[in-house]
Every structure is written in C-alpha cells, then in structure tokens.
Amino acid sequence: MLLAQITPFIVRVVEPPTKETTVADVLLGAVGLTGLILVSALLFGLLLGGVLVAMHRWRPSNRLNGQSAEEVSLRLNSLPHG
C-alpha cells in the first residue's frame, strides 16, 4: 500500500500596521479628559448652588429656624447706613 505524502500548509497571518502613539496624542487625550472633568464639575457646582439659593429663598422665616419675621422684614426694608 502506497501512502501519499502530505505536505502541511503553513499560513502566516500578517496584521496591518498599527498607528504610532505620539506625545501629541497623549497630551491631547489628557487635555480632553481634564476639560471634561472641569466642565462637569462646573455644571455640578452651578446646579448645587442654584438648589441652595432656591432652598434659602423658599424657606419660611420663623422662630423654628432661628429668625423671627420681624428681624427678616427689618433687615430687608432698612436702608444701608452710610
């Protein structure tokens, strides 16, 4: 019985070259991330400040929270001393 000789196929997968990462790419990415953090912190601060101002304005002034209505009206209606 004669056996046929089998020769193996060798397949070499050649990947396409990747783009080099330069110093400018790293700096641009860092500045972008820093800008995103800065803008989100600014928006969060403005939102929180607006909520605190609104709470202060809508809070009733009475003896339970430390101010009487007369104190508040006198302070708001009095002219500055000059």
PDB file of N, CA and C in Angstrom:
ATOM      1  N   MET A   1       0.814  -1.158   0.000  1.00  0.00           N
ATOM      2  CA  MET A   1       0.000   0.000   0.000  1.00  0.00           C
ATOM      3  C   MET A   1       0.878   1.249   0.000  1.00  0.00           C
ATOM      4  N   LEU A   2       0.595   2.033  -0.950  1.00  0.00           N
ATOM      5  CA  LEU A   2       1.376   3.254  -1.080  1.00  0.00           C
ATOM      6  C   LEU A   2       0.631   4.404  -0.409  1.00  0.00           C
ATOM      7  N   LEU A   3       1.344   5.105   0.386  1.00  0.00           N
ATOM      8  CA  LEU A   3       0.762   6.274   1.070  1.00  0.00           C
ATOM      9  C   LEU A   3       1.229   7.541   0.374  1.00  0.00           C
ATOM     10  N   ALA A   4       0.291   8.416   0.144  1.00  0.00           N
ATOM     11  CA  ALA A   4       0.660   9.697  -0.461  1.00  0.00           C
ATOM     12  C   ALA A   4       1.263  10.588   0.614  1.00  0.00           C
ATOM     13  N   GLN A   5       2.295  11.218   0.233  1.00  0.00           N
ATOM     14  CA  GLN A   5       2.945  12.081   1.198  1.00  0.00           C
ATOM     15  C   GLN A   5       2.193  13.407   1.266  1.00  0.00           C
ATOM     16  N   ILE A   6       1.800  13.796   2.484  1.00  0.00           N
ATOM     17  CA  ILE A   6       1.032  15.033   2.698  1.00  0.00           C
ATOM     18  C   ILE A   6       1.993  16.110   3.174  1.00  0.00           C
ATOM     19  N   THR A   7       1.988  17.196   2.473  1.00  0.00           N
ATOM     20  CA  THR A   7       2.814  18.331   2.890  1.00  0.00           C
ATOM     21  C   THR A   7       1.915  19.347   3.594  1.00  0.00           C
ATOM     22  N   PRO A   8       2.292  19.771   4.774  1.00  0.00           N
ATOM     23  CA  PRO A   8       1.460  20.720   5.519  1.00  0.00           C
ATOM     24  C   PRO A   8       1.534  22.113   4.898  1.00  0.00           C
ATOM     25  N   PHE A   9       0.424  22.834   5.028  1.00  0.00           N
ATOM     26  CA  PHE A   9       0.386  24.231   4.603  1.00  0.00           C
ATOM     27  C   PHE A   9       0.675  25.103   5.808  1.00  0.00           C
ATOM     28  N   ILE A  10       1.536  26.036   5.647  1.00  0.00           N
ATOM     29  CA  ILE A  10       1.839  26.986   6.714  1.00  0.00           C
ATOM     30  C   ILE A  10       1.249  28.331   6.290  1.00  0.00           C
ATOM     31  N   VAL A  11       0.338  28.827   7.132  1.00  0.00           N
ATOM     32  CA  VAL A  11      -0.318  30.101   6.833  1.00  0.00           C
ATOM     33  C   VAL A  11       0.210  31.129   7.809  1.00  0.00           C
ATOM     34  N   ARG A  12       0.739  32.188   7.274  1.00  0.00           N
ATOM     35  CA  ARG A  12       1.256  33.267   8.102  1.00  0.00           C
ATOM     36  C   ARG A  12       0.270  34.432   8.012  1.00  0.00           C
ATOM     37  N   VAL A  13      -0.290  34.833   9.164  1.00  0.00           N
ATOM     38  CA  VAL A  13      -1.247  35.936   9.206  1.00  0.00           C
ATOM     39  C   VAL A  13      -0.457  37.215   9.458  1.00  0.00           C
ATOM     40  N   VAL A  14      -0.563  38.106   8.534  1.00  0.00           N
ATOM     41  CA  VAL A  14       0.136  39.377   8.654  1.00  0.00           C
ATOM     42  C   VAL A  14      -0.896  40.442   9.016  1.00  0.00           C
ATOM     43  N   GLU A  15      -0.748  41.021  10.203  1.00  0.00           N
ATOM     44  CA  GLU A  15      -1.682  42.052  10.650  1.00  0.00           C
ATOM     45  C   GLU A  15      -1.281  43.396  10.050  1.00  0.00           C
ATOM     46  N   PRO A  16      -2.273  44.252   9.809  1.00  0.00           N
ATOM     47  CA  PRO A  16      -1.929  45.575   9.289  1.00  0.00           C
ATOM     48  C   PRO A  16      -1.170  46.372  10.350  1.00  0.00           C
ATOM     49  N   PRO A  17      -0.291  47.247   9.928  1.00  0.00           N
ATOM     50  CA  PRO A  17       0.484  48.025  10.901  1.00  0.00           C
ATOM     51  C   PRO A  17      -0.427  48.947  11.720  1.00  0.00           C
ATOM     52  N   THR A  18      -0.101  49.100  12.979  1.00  0.00           N
ATOM     53  CA  THR A  18      -0.883  49.968  13.852  1.00  0.00           C
ATOM     54  C   THR A  18      -0.304  51.373  13.833  1.00  0.00           C
ATOM     55  N   LYS A  19      -1.171  52.324  14.122  1.00  0.00           N
ATOM     56  CA  LYS A  19      -0.742  53.721  14.141  1.00  0.00           C
ATOM     57  C   LYS A  19       0.104  53.969  15.394  1.00  0.00           C
ATOM     58  N   GLU A  20       1.156  54.706  15.236  1.00  0.00           N
ATOM     59  CA  GLU A  20       2.012  55.031  16.373  1.00  0.00           C
ATOM     60  C   GLU A  20       1.327  56.055  17.265  1.00  0.00           C
ATOM     61  N   THR A  21       1.534  55.926  18.553  1.00  0.00           N
ATOM     62  CA  THR A  21       1.024  56.903  19.505  1.00  0.00           C
ATOM     63  C   THR A  21       2.138  57.895  19.792  1.00  0.00           C
ATOM     64  N   THR A  22       1.872  59.153  19.518  1.00  0.00           N
ATOM     65  CA  THR A  22       2.887  60.183  19.718  1.00  0.00           C
ATOM     66  C   THR A  22       2.612  60.930  21.011  1.00  0.00           C
ATOM     67  N   VAL A  23       3.552  61.769  21.384  1.00  0.00           N
ATOM     68  CA  VAL A  23       3.403  62.591  22.584  1.00  0.00           C
ATOM     69  C   VAL A  23       2.218  63.533  22.421  1.00  0.00           C
ATOM     70  N   ALA A  24       2.013  64.043  21.235  1.00  0.00           N
ATOM     71  CA  ALA A  24       0.888  64.941  20.994  1.00  0.00           C
ATOM     72  C   ALA A  24      -0.445  64.234  21.206  1.00  0.00           C
ATOM     73  N   ASP A  25      -0.540  62.970  20.804  1.00  0.00           N
ATOM     74  CA  ASP A  25      -1.763  62.202  21.026  1.00  0.00           C
ATOM     75  C   ASP A  25      -2.048  62.037  22.521  1.00  0.00           C
ATOM     76  N   VAL A  26      -1.024  61.758  23.289  1.00  0.00           N
ATOM     77  CA  VAL A  26      -1.185  61.576  24.731  1.00  0.00           C
ATOM     78  C   VAL A  26      -1.600  62.891  25.380  1.00  0.00           C
ATOM     79  N   LEU A  27      -0.952  63.987  25.002  1.00  0.00           N
ATOM     80  CA  LEU A  27      -1.294  65.301  25.572  1.00  0.00           C
ATOM     81  C   LEU A  27      -2.708  65.717  25.201  1.00  0.00           C
ATOM     82  N   LEU A  28      -3.102  65.488  23.973  1.00  0.00           N
ATOM     83  CA  LEU A  28      -4.450  65.838  23.537  1.00  0.00           C
ATOM     84  C   LEU A  28      -5.491  65.031  24.308  1.00  0.00           C
ATOM     85  N   GLY A  29      -5.233  63.771  24.528  1.00  0.00           N
ATOM     86  CA  GLY A  29      -6.148  62.944  25.321  1.00  0.00           C
ATOM     87  C   GLY A  29      -6.239  63.408  26.762  1.00  0.00           C
ATOM     88  N   ALA A  30      -5.107  63.786  27.348  1.00  0.00           N
ATOM     89  CA  ALA A  30      -5.101  64.256  28.737  1.00  0.00           C
ATOM     90  C   ALA A  30      -5.845  65.577  28.873  1.00  0.00           C
ATOM     91  N   VAL A  31      -5.633  66.493  27.929  1.00  0.00           N
ATOM     92  CA  VAL A  31      -6.324  67.784  27.970  1.00  0.00           C
ATOM     93  C   VAL A  31      -7.822  67.583  27.767  1.00  0.00           C
ATOM     94  N   GLY A  32      -8.200  66.667  26.905  1.00  0.00           N
ATOM     95  CA  GLY A  32      -9.622  66.384  26.689  1.00  0.00           C
ATOM     96  C   GLY A  32     -10.284  65.832  27.934  1.00  0.00           C
ATOM     97  N   LEU A  33      -9.621  64.904  28.615  1.00  0.00           N
ATOM     98  CA  LEU A  33     -10.171  64.332  29.840  1.00  0.00           C
ATOM     99  C   LEU A  33     -10.249  65.384  30.940  1.00  0.00           C
ATOM    100  N   THR A  34      -9.222  66.206  31.065  1.00  0.00           N
ATOM    101  CA  THR A  34      -9.226  67.266  32.069  1.00  0.00           C
ATOM    102  C   THR A  34     -10.340  68.267  31.791  1.00  0.00           C
ATOM    103  N   GLY A  35     -10.538  68.616  30.542  1.00  0.00           N
ATOM    104  CA  GLY A  35     -11.615  69.538  30.181  1.00  0.00           C
ATOM    105  C   GLY A  35     -12.983  68.963  30.493  1.00  0.00           C
ATOM    106  N   LEU A  36     -13.163  67.684  30.239  1.00  0.00           N
ATOM    107  CA  LEU A  36     -14.435  67.029  30.549  1.00  0.00           C
ATOM    108  C   LEU A  36     -14.704  67.047  32.049  1.00  0.00           C
ATOM    109  N   ILE A  37     -13.704  66.754  32.849  1.00  0.00           N
ATOM    110  CA  ILE A  37     -13.856  66.783  34.307  1.00  0.00           C
ATOM    111  C   ILE A  37     -14.143  68.202  34.776  1.00  0.00           C
ATOM    112  N   LEU A  38     -13.462  69.189  34.212  1.00  0.00           N
ATOM    113  CA  LEU A  38     -13.655  70.581  34.603  1.00  0.00           C
ATOM    114  C   LEU A  38     -15.063  71.064  34.276  1.00  0.00           C
ATOM    115  N   VAL A  39     -15.555  70.766  33.092  1.00  0.00           N
ATOM    116  CA  VAL A  39     -16.895  71.201  32.693  1.00  0.00           C
ATOM    117  C   VAL A  39     -17.961  70.515  33.538  1.00  0.00           C
ATOM    118  N   SER A  40     -17.798  69.231  33.799  1.00  0.00           N
ATOM    119  CA  SER A  40     -18.793  68.537  34.621  1.00  0.00           C
ATOM    120  C   SER A  40     -18.777  69.048  36.058  1.00  0.00           C
ATOM    121  N   ALA A  41     -17.624  69.369  36.612  1.00  0.00           N
ATOM    122  CA  ALA A  41     -17.556  69.934  37.963  1.00  0.00           C
ATOM    123  C   ALA A  41     -18.190  71.326  37.999  1.00  0.00           C
ATOM    124  N   LEU A  42     -17.986  72.111  36.959  1.00  0.00           N
ATOM    125  CA  LEU A  42     -18.590  73.445  36.882  1.00  0.00           C
ATOM    126  C   LEU A  42     -20.113  73.354  36.820  1.00  0.00           C
ATOM    127  N   LEU A  43     -20.627  72.466  35.988  1.00  0.00           N
ATOM    128  CA  LEU A  43     -22.078  72.294  35.890  1.00  0.00           C
ATOM    129  C   LEU A  43     -22.669  71.781  37.198  1.00  0.00           C
ATOM    130  N   PHE A  44     -21.999  70.848  37.851  1.00  0.00           N
ATOM    131  CA  PHE A  44     -22.485  70.337  39.125  1.00  0.00           C
ATOM    132  C   PHE A  44     -22.482  71.439  40.183  1.00  0.00           C
ATOM    133  N   GLY A  45     -21.446  72.276  40.208  1.00  0.00           N
ATOM    134  CA  GLY A  45     -21.383  73.385  41.167  1.00  0.00           C
ATOM    135  C   GLY A  45     -22.484  74.401  40.942  1.00  0.00           C
ATOM    136  N   LEU A  46     -22.741  74.729  39.678  1.00  0.00           N
ATOM    137  CA  LEU A  46     -23.818  75.681  39.380  1.00  0.00           C
ATOM    138  C   LEU A  46     -25.182  75.108  39.770  1.00  0.00           C
ATOM    139  N   LEU A  47     -25.395  73.845  39.500  1.00  0.00           N
ATOM    140  CA  LEU A  47     -26.658  73.204  39.860  1.00  0.00           C
ATOM    141  C   LEU A  47     -26.837  73.168  41.378  1.00  0.00           C
ATOM    142  N   LEU A  48     -25.809  72.773  42.099  1.00  0.00           N
ATOM    143  CA  LEU A  48     -25.894  72.717  43.556  1.00  0.00           C
ATOM    144  C   LEU A  48     -26.071  74.110  44.150  1.00  0.00           C
ATOM    145  N   GLY A  49     -25.373  75.106  43.609  1.00  0.00           N
ATOM    146  CA  GLY A  49     -25.542  76.478  44.087  1.00  0.00           C
ATOM    147  C   GLY A  49     -26.952  76.986  43.849  1.00  0.00           C
ATOM    148  N   GLY A  50     -27.518  76.673  42.688  1.00  0.00           N
ATOM    149  CA  GLY A  50     -28.891  77.079  42.401  1.00  0.00           C
ATOM    150  C   GLY A  50     -29.889  76.438  43.345  1.00  0.00           C
ATOM    151  N   VAL A  51     -29.663  75.160  43.663  1.00  0.00           N
ATOM    152  CA  VAL A  51     -30.550  74.467  44.608  1.00  0.00           C
ATOM    153  C   VAL A  51     -30.451  75.097  45.993  1.00  0.00           C
ATOM    154  N   LEU A  52     -29.253  75.409  46.440  1.00  0.00           N
ATOM    155  CA  LEU A  52     -29.086  76.016  47.763  1.00  0.00           C
ATOM    156  C   LEU A  52     -29.702  77.409  47.833  1.00  0.00           C
ATOM    157  N   VAL A  53     -29.539  78.211  46.791  1.00  0.00           N
ATOM    158  CA  VAL A  53     -30.155  79.543  46.769  1.00  0.00           C
ATOM    159  C   VAL A  53     -31.670  79.421  46.760  1.00  0.00           C
ATOM    160  N   ALA A  54     -32.208  78.506  45.976  1.00  0.00           N
ATOM    161  CA  ALA A  54     -33.663  78.313  45.926  1.00  0.00           C
ATOM    162  C   ALA A  54     -34.192  77.846  47.279  1.00  0.00           C
ATOM    163  N   MET A  55     -33.486  76.949  47.940  1.00  0.00           N
ATOM    164  CA  MET A  55     -33.923  76.487  49.260  1.00  0.00           C
ATOM    165  C   MET A  55     -33.918  77.628  50.266  1.00  0.00           C
ATOM    166  N   HIS A  56     -32.906  78.490  50.189  1.00  0.00           N
ATOM    167  CA  HIS A  56     -32.816  79.609  51.117  1.00  0.00           C
ATOM    168  C   HIS A  56     -33.950  80.607  50.881  1.00  0.00           C
ATOM    169  N   ARG A  57     -34.297  80.838  49.632  1.00  0.00           N
ATOM    170  CA  ARG A  57     -35.369  81.790  49.325  1.00  0.00           C
ATOM    171  C   ARG A  57     -36.745  81.236  49.669  1.00  0.00           C
ATOM    172  N   TRP A  58     -36.943  79.947  49.487  1.00  0.00           N
ATOM    173  CA  TRP A  58     -38.263  79.360  49.712  1.00  0.00           C
ATOM    174  C   TRP A  58     -38.489  78.957  51.168  1.00  0.00           C
ATOM    175  N   ARG A  59     -37.439  78.939  51.952  1.00  0.00           N
ATOM    176  CA  ARG A  59     -37.567  78.527  53.346  1.00  0.00           C
ATOM    177  C   ARG A  59     -38.318  79.607  54.117  1.00  0.00           C
ATOM    178  N   PRO A  60     -39.345  79.250  54.855  1.00  0.00           N
ATOM    179  CA  PRO A  60     -40.056  80.265  55.631  1.00  0.00           C
ATOM    180  C   PRO A  60     -39.197  80.763  56.789  1.00  0.00           C
ATOM    181  N   SER A  61     -39.274  82.037  57.063  1.00  0.00           N
ATOM    182  CA  SER A  61     -38.523  82.610  58.175  1.00  0.00           C
ATOM    183  C   SER A  61     -39.440  82.642  59.397  1.00  0.00           C
ATOM    184  N   ASN A  62     -39.071  81.912  60.411  1.00  0.00           N
ATOM    185  CA  ASN A  62     -39.846  81.892  61.644  1.00  0.00           C
ATOM    186  C   ASN A  62     -38.934  81.549  62.806  1.00  0.00           C
ATOM    187  N   ARG A  63     -39.506  81.450  63.986  1.00  0.00           N
ATOM    188  CA  ARG A  63     -38.702  81.198  65.189  1.00  0.00           C
ATOM    189  C   ARG A  63     -38.115  79.787  65.197  1.00  0.00           C
ATOM    190  N   LEU A  64     -38.727  78.865  64.482  1.00  0.00           N
ATOM    191  CA  LEU A  64     -38.232  77.488  64.499  1.00  0.00           C
ATOM    192  C   LEU A  64     -36.876  77.343  63.815  1.00  0.00           C
ATOM    193  N   ASN A  65     -36.595  78.195  62.851  1.00  0.00           N
ATOM    194  CA  ASN A  65     -35.290  78.087  62.197  1.00  0.00           C
ATOM    195  C   ASN A  65     -34.358  79.231  62.581  1.00  0.00           C
ATOM    196  N   GLY A  66     -34.658  79.944  63.639  1.00  0.00           N
ATOM    197  CA  GLY A  66     -33.707  80.901  64.187  1.00  0.00           C
ATOM    198  C   GLY A  66     -33.936  82.349  63.833  1.00  0.00           C
ATOM    199  N   GLN A  67     -34.950  82.686  63.058  1.00  0.00           N
ATOM    200  CA  GLN A  67     -35.194  84.075  62.700  1.00  0.00           C
ATOM    201  C   GLN A  67     -36.663  84.393  62.913  1.00  0.00           C
ATOM    202  N   SER A  68     -36.906  85.560  63.419  1.00  0.00           N
ATOM    203  CA  SER A  68     -38.297  85.983  63.529  1.00  0.00           C
ATOM    204  C   SER A  68     -38.678  86.748  62.263  1.00  0.00           C
ATOM    205  N   ALA A  69     -39.950  86.815  61.991  1.00  0.00           N
ATOM    206  CA  ALA A  69     -40.413  87.511  60.795  1.00  0.00           C
ATOM    207  C   ALA A  69     -40.088  88.997  60.876  1.00  0.00           C
ATOM    208  N   GLU A  70     -40.099  89.570  62.088  1.00  0.00           N
ATOM    209  CA  GLU A  70     -39.772  90.998  62.230  1.00  0.00           C
ATOM    210  C   GLU A  70     -38.312  91.272  61.888  1.00  0.00           C
ATOM    211  N   GLU A  71     -37.426  90.377  62.328  1.00  0.00           N
ATOM    212  CA  GLU A  71     -35.999  90.559  62.014  1.00  0.00           C
ATOM    213  C   GLU A  71     -35.771  90.550  60.514  1.00  0.00           C
ATOM    214  N   VAL A  72     -36.394  89.626  59.856  1.00  0.00           N
ATOM    215  CA  VAL A  72     -36.201  89.490  58.417  1.00  0.00           C
ATOM    216  C   VAL A  72     -36.755  90.708  57.701  1.00  0.00           C
ATOM    217  N   SER A  73     -37.949  91.163  58.073  1.00  0.00           N
ATOM    218  CA  SER A  73     -38.531  92.309  57.387  1.00  0.00           C
ATOM    219  C   SER A  73     -37.750  93.578  57.687  1.00  0.00           C
ATOM    220  N   LEU A  74     -37.251  93.747  58.911  1.00  0.00           N
ATOM    221  CA  LEU A  74     -36.445  94.925  59.220  1.00  0.00           C
ATOM    222  C   LEU A  74     -35.129  94.925  58.442  1.00  0.00           C
ATOM    223  N   ARG A  75     -34.531  93.772  58.355  1.00  0.00           N
ATOM    224  CA  ARG A  75     -33.257  93.685  57.646  1.00  0.00           C
ATOM    225  C   ARG A  75     -33.443  93.940  56.148  1.00  0.00           C
ATOM    226  N   LEU A  76     -34.543  93.472  55.586  1.00  0.00           N
ATOM    227  CA  LEU A  76     -34.764  93.651  54.152  1.00  0.00           C
ATOM    228  C   LEU A  76     -35.238  95.064  53.808  1.00  0.00           C
ATOM    229  N   ASN A  77     -35.957  95.711  54.715  1.00  0.00           N
ATOM    230  CA  ASN A  77     -36.521  97.020  54.411  1.00  0.00           C
ATOM    231  C   ASN A  77     -35.649  98.186  54.857  1.00  0.00           C
ATOM    232  N   SER A  78     -34.637  97.951  55.654  1.00  0.00           N
ATOM    233  CA  SER A  78     -33.805  99.050  56.141  1.00  0.00           C
ATOM    234  C   SER A  78     -32.804  99.470  55.068  1.00  0.00           C
ATOM    235  N   LEU A  79     -32.517 100.773  55.073  1.00  0.00           N
ATOM    236  CA  LEU A  79     -31.540 101.316  54.139  1.00  0.00           C
ATOM    237  C   LEU A  79     -30.148 101.155  54.720  1.00  0.00           C
ATOM    238  N   PRO A  80     -29.145 101.004  53.889  1.00  0.00           N
ATOM    239  CA  PRO A  80     -27.780 100.882  54.409  1.00  0.00           C
ATOM    240  C   PRO A  80     -27.333 102.182  55.058  1.00  0.00           C
ATOM    241  N   HIS A  81     -26.593 102.053  56.118  1.00  0.00           N
ATOM    242  CA  HIS A  81     -26.075 103.226  56.824  1.00  0.00           C
ATOM    243  C   HIS A  81     -24.837 103.729  56.092  1.00  0.00           C
ATOM    244  N   GLY A  82     -24.794 104.987  55.898  1.00  0.00           N
ATOM    245  CA  GLY A  82     -23.651 105.441  55.133  1.00  0.00           C
ATOM    246  C   GLY A  82     -23.140 106.690  55.606  1.00  0.00           C
TER     247      GLY A  82
END
